[in-house]
Amino acid sequence: MAELKVKLQVLHGDEIAFGPGKADLLEAVAQTGSIAAAGRALSLSYRRTRDMIDTLNHCWQGPLVETAKGGSSHGGTVLTPLGQQVLAAYRAAALELRETAHRHTALLKLLGNAVQ
C-alpha cells in the first residue's frame, strides 16, 4: 500500500507564506549568514532565493529575515526573533503532522492486509 504524504503550507491570500522550501531556506540562512550562500546550498538561483525572502518578509507581521549591507566582511543576514519563532512553530507542526500521517498510514496498511 502507498504511503500517506502530507505537506504543511501556510497561506497568505493566494501566496504560500511558508512551507517546507521556505523553512529549509530560513535554516540555510541561519547556518550561512548569507542569502546567496543559502540559495547555493539549496541549489536555488539567487533570484528565486530573493523572491522567497521577499515573500517571507511581507506575509508576516514583520520581517523574518534581516540583511545588513556591507560586503563580504561587514554584511550578513540573520533571522529575526519572529523568523526564529515562525520556523520553530512550523517545524513542530510539520513533525506532528508527519507523525499523525504515519499512524494513519499504519492503520490503513493494517486494514488493507485484513481484507486480503
C-alpha atoms as a PDB file:
ATOM      1  CA  MET A   1       0.000   0.000   0.000  1.00  0.00           C
ATOM      2  CA  ALA A   2       1.171   3.524  -0.724  1.00  0.00           C
ATOM      3  CA  GLU A   3       2.347   5.922   1.953  1.00  0.00           C
ATOM      4  CA  LEU A   4       0.232   8.864   3.062  1.00  0.00           C
ATOM      5  CA  LYS A   5       2.061  12.073   2.131  1.00  0.00           C
ATOM      6  CA  VAL A   6       1.202  15.406   3.714  1.00  0.00           C
ATOM      7  CA  LYS A   7       2.735  18.832   3.224  1.00  0.00           C
ATOM      8  CA  LEU A   8       2.119  21.728   5.570  1.00  0.00           C
ATOM      9  CA  GLN A   9       1.747  25.138   3.928  1.00  0.00           C
ATOM     10  CA  VAL A  10       0.751  28.461   5.454  1.00  0.00           C
ATOM     11  CA  LEU A  11      -1.208  30.609   3.010  1.00  0.00           C
ATOM     12  CA  HIS A  12      -1.484  34.384   2.945  1.00  0.00           C
ATOM     13  CA  GLY A  13      -4.159  35.110   0.378  1.00  0.00           C
ATOM     14  CA  ASP A  14      -3.026  33.320  -2.772  1.00  0.00           C
ATOM     15  CA  GLU A  15       0.629  33.212  -1.713  1.00  0.00           C
ATOM     16  CA  ILE A  16       2.399  30.415   0.100  1.00  0.00           C
ATOM     17  CA  ALA A  17       3.706  32.378   3.073  1.00  0.00           C
ATOM     18  CA  PHE A  18       5.507  29.372   4.492  1.00  0.00           C
ATOM     19  CA  GLY A  19       6.129  25.779   3.544  1.00  0.00           C
ATOM     20  CA  PRO A  20       8.882  23.186   3.526  1.00  0.00           C
ATOM     21  CA  GLY A  21      11.053  25.034   0.989  1.00  0.00           C
ATOM     22  CA  LYS A  22      10.870  28.326   2.849  1.00  0.00           C
ATOM     23  CA  ALA A  23      11.616  26.542   6.133  1.00  0.00           C
ATOM     24  CA  ASP A  24      14.703  24.973   4.544  1.00  0.00           C
ATOM     25  CA  LEU A  25      15.727  28.392   3.224  1.00  0.00           C
ATOM     26  CA  LEU A  26      15.415  30.008   6.665  1.00  0.00           C
ATOM     27  CA  GLU A  27      17.541  27.244   8.172  1.00  0.00           C
ATOM     28  CA  ALA A  28      20.152  27.718   5.453  1.00  0.00           C
ATOM     29  CA  VAL A  29      20.187  31.489   6.046  1.00  0.00           C
ATOM     30  CA  ALA A  30      20.656  30.892   9.779  1.00  0.00           C
ATOM     31  CA  GLN A  31      23.547  28.499   9.085  1.00  0.00           C
ATOM     32  CA  THR A  32      25.332  30.522   6.413  1.00  0.00           C
ATOM     33  CA  GLY A  33      24.527  34.111   7.376  1.00  0.00           C
ATOM     34  CA  SER A  34      24.034  34.878   3.703  1.00  0.00           C
ATOM     35  CA  ILE A  35      21.114  34.870   1.286  1.00  0.00           C
ATOM     36  CA  ALA A  36      23.347  33.957  -1.655  1.00  0.00           C
ATOM     37  CA  ALA A  37      25.096  31.133   0.228  1.00  0.00           C
ATOM     38  CA  ALA A  38      21.768  29.797   1.492  1.00  0.00           C
ATOM     39  CA  GLY A  39      20.421  29.710  -2.066  1.00  0.00           C
ATOM     40  CA  ARG A  40      23.539  27.941  -3.325  1.00  0.00           C
ATOM     41  CA  ALA A  41      23.277  25.385  -0.515  1.00  0.00           C
ATOM     42  CA  LEU A  42      19.735  24.597  -1.686  1.00  0.00           C
ATOM     43  CA  SER A  43      20.601  24.765  -5.425  1.00  0.00           C
ATOM     44  CA  LEU A  44      18.335  27.788  -5.930  1.00  0.00           C
ATOM     45  CA  SER A  45      19.029  30.721  -8.210  1.00  0.00           C
ATOM     46  CA  TYR A  46      19.747  33.991  -6.469  1.00  0.00           C
ATOM     47  CA  ARG A  47      16.570  35.463  -7.988  1.00  0.00           C
ATOM     48  CA  ARG A  48      14.410  32.601  -6.670  1.00  0.00           C
ATOM     49  CA  THR A  49      16.074  32.883  -3.260  1.00  0.00           C
ATOM     50  CA  ARG A  50      15.468  36.642  -3.168  1.00  0.00           C
ATOM     51  CA  ASP A  51      11.831  36.179  -4.203  1.00  0.00           C
ATOM     52  CA  MET A  52      11.310  33.654  -1.404  1.00  0.00           C
ATOM     53  CA  ILE A  53      12.910  36.013   1.142  1.00  0.00           C
ATOM     54  CA  ASP A  54      10.697  38.866  -0.090  1.00  0.00           C
ATOM     55  CA  THR A  55       7.608  36.684   0.383  1.00  0.00           C
ATOM     56  CA  LEU A  56       8.766  35.680   3.866  1.00  0.00           C
ATOM     57  CA  ASN A  57       9.275  39.309   4.791  1.00  0.00           C
ATOM     58  CA  HIS A  58       5.931  40.666   3.607  1.00  0.00           C
ATOM     59  CA  CYS A  59       3.475  37.895   4.553  1.00  0.00           C
ATOM     60  CA  TRP A  60       4.008  38.160   8.299  1.00  0.00           C
ATOM     61  CA  GLN A  61       3.566  40.865  10.968  1.00  0.00           C
ATOM     62  CA  GLY A  62       7.209  41.750  10.498  1.00  0.00           C
ATOM     63  CA  PRO A  63      10.250  40.566   8.544  1.00  0.00           C
ATOM     64  CA  LEU A  64      11.583  37.066   9.169  1.00  0.00           C
ATOM     65  CA  VAL A  65      14.998  37.878   7.695  1.00  0.00           C
ATOM     66  CA  GLU A  66      17.173  40.960   8.126  1.00  0.00           C
ATOM     67  CA  THR A  67      20.124  41.856   5.949  1.00  0.00           C
ATOM     68  CA  ALA A  68      22.962  44.208   6.804  1.00  0.00           C
ATOM     69  CA  LYS A  69      24.747  45.619   3.768  1.00  0.00           C
ATOM     70  CA  GLY A  70      28.466  45.934   3.698  1.00  0.00           C
ATOM     71  CA  GLY A  71      30.074  43.319   1.531  1.00  0.00           C
ATOM     72  CA  SER A  72      31.767  40.087   2.496  1.00  0.00           C
ATOM     73  CA  SER A  73      33.424  41.347   5.662  1.00  0.00           C
ATOM     74  CA  HIS A  74      30.716  43.564   7.178  1.00  0.00           C
ATOM     75  CA  GLY A  75      27.384  42.403   5.806  1.00  0.00           C
ATOM     76  CA  GLY A  76      25.305  39.481   6.801  1.00  0.00           C
ATOM     77  CA  THR A  77      21.846  38.048   7.020  1.00  0.00           C
ATOM     78  CA  VAL A  78      20.104  36.798  10.150  1.00  0.00           C
ATOM     79  CA  LEU A  79      16.716  35.503  11.157  1.00  0.00           C
ATOM     80  CA  THR A  80      14.731  37.960  13.216  1.00  0.00           C
ATOM     81  CA  PRO A  81      13.237  36.755  16.501  1.00  0.00           C
ATOM     82  CA  LEU A  82       9.923  36.440  14.615  1.00  0.00           C
ATOM     83  CA  GLY A  83      11.676  34.391  11.931  1.00  0.00           C
ATOM     84  CA  GLN A  84      13.085  32.052  14.572  1.00  0.00           C
ATOM     85  CA  GLN A  85       9.639  31.670  16.161  1.00  0.00           C
ATOM     86  CA  VAL A  86       7.862  31.012  12.862  1.00  0.00           C
ATOM     87  CA  LEU A  87      10.488  28.448  11.842  1.00  0.00           C
ATOM     88  CA  ALA A  88      10.303  26.634  15.187  1.00  0.00           C
ATOM     89  CA  ALA A  89       6.481  26.611  15.191  1.00  0.00           C
ATOM     90  CA  TYR A  90       6.394  25.366  11.598  1.00  0.00           C
ATOM     91  CA  ARG A  91       8.902  22.560  12.263  1.00  0.00           C
ATOM     92  CA  ALA A  92       6.945  21.455  15.352  1.00  0.00           C
ATOM     93  CA  ALA A  93       3.640  21.448  13.450  1.00  0.00           C
ATOM     94  CA  ALA A  94       5.170  19.632  10.468  1.00  0.00           C
ATOM     95  CA  LEU A  95       6.638  16.953  12.743  1.00  0.00           C
ATOM     96  CA  GLU A  96       3.300  16.430  14.456  1.00  0.00           C
ATOM     97  CA  LEU A  97       1.562  16.234  11.075  1.00  0.00           C
ATOM     98  CA  ARG A  98       4.076  13.635   9.796  1.00  0.00           C
ATOM     99  CA  GLU A  99       3.644  11.559  12.961  1.00  0.00           C
ATOM    100  CA  THR A 100      -0.138  11.660  12.579  1.00  0.00           C
ATOM    101  CA  ALA A 101       0.124  10.707   8.902  1.00  0.00           C
ATOM    102  CA  HIS A 102       2.434   7.815   9.826  1.00  0.00           C
ATOM    103  CA  ARG A 103      -0.089   6.500  12.364  1.00  0.00           C
ATOM    104  CA  HIS A 104      -2.889   6.702   9.815  1.00  0.00           C
ATOM    105  CA  THR A 105      -0.732   5.034   7.164  1.00  0.00           C
ATOM    106  CA  ALA A 106      -0.037   2.162   9.558  1.00  0.00           C
ATOM    107  CA  LEU A 107      -3.760   1.791  10.220  1.00  0.00           C
ATOM    108  CA  LEU A 108      -4.595   1.852   6.505  1.00  0.00           C
ATOM    109  CA  LYS A 109      -1.909  -0.768   5.830  1.00  0.00           C
ATOM    110  CA  LEU A 110      -3.304  -2.937   8.606  1.00  0.00           C
ATOM    111  CA  LEU A 111      -6.832  -2.614   7.237  1.00  0.00           C
ATOM    112  CA  GLY A 112      -5.550  -3.322   3.722  1.00  0.00           C
ATOM    113  CA  ASN A 113      -3.907  -6.541   4.943  1.00  0.00           C
ATOM    114  CA  ALA A 114      -7.062  -7.558   6.798  1.00  0.00           C
ATOM    115  CA  VAL A 115      -9.188  -7.654   3.633  1.00  0.00           C
ATOM    116  CA  GLN A 116      -6.780  -9.672   1.525  1.00  0.00           C
END
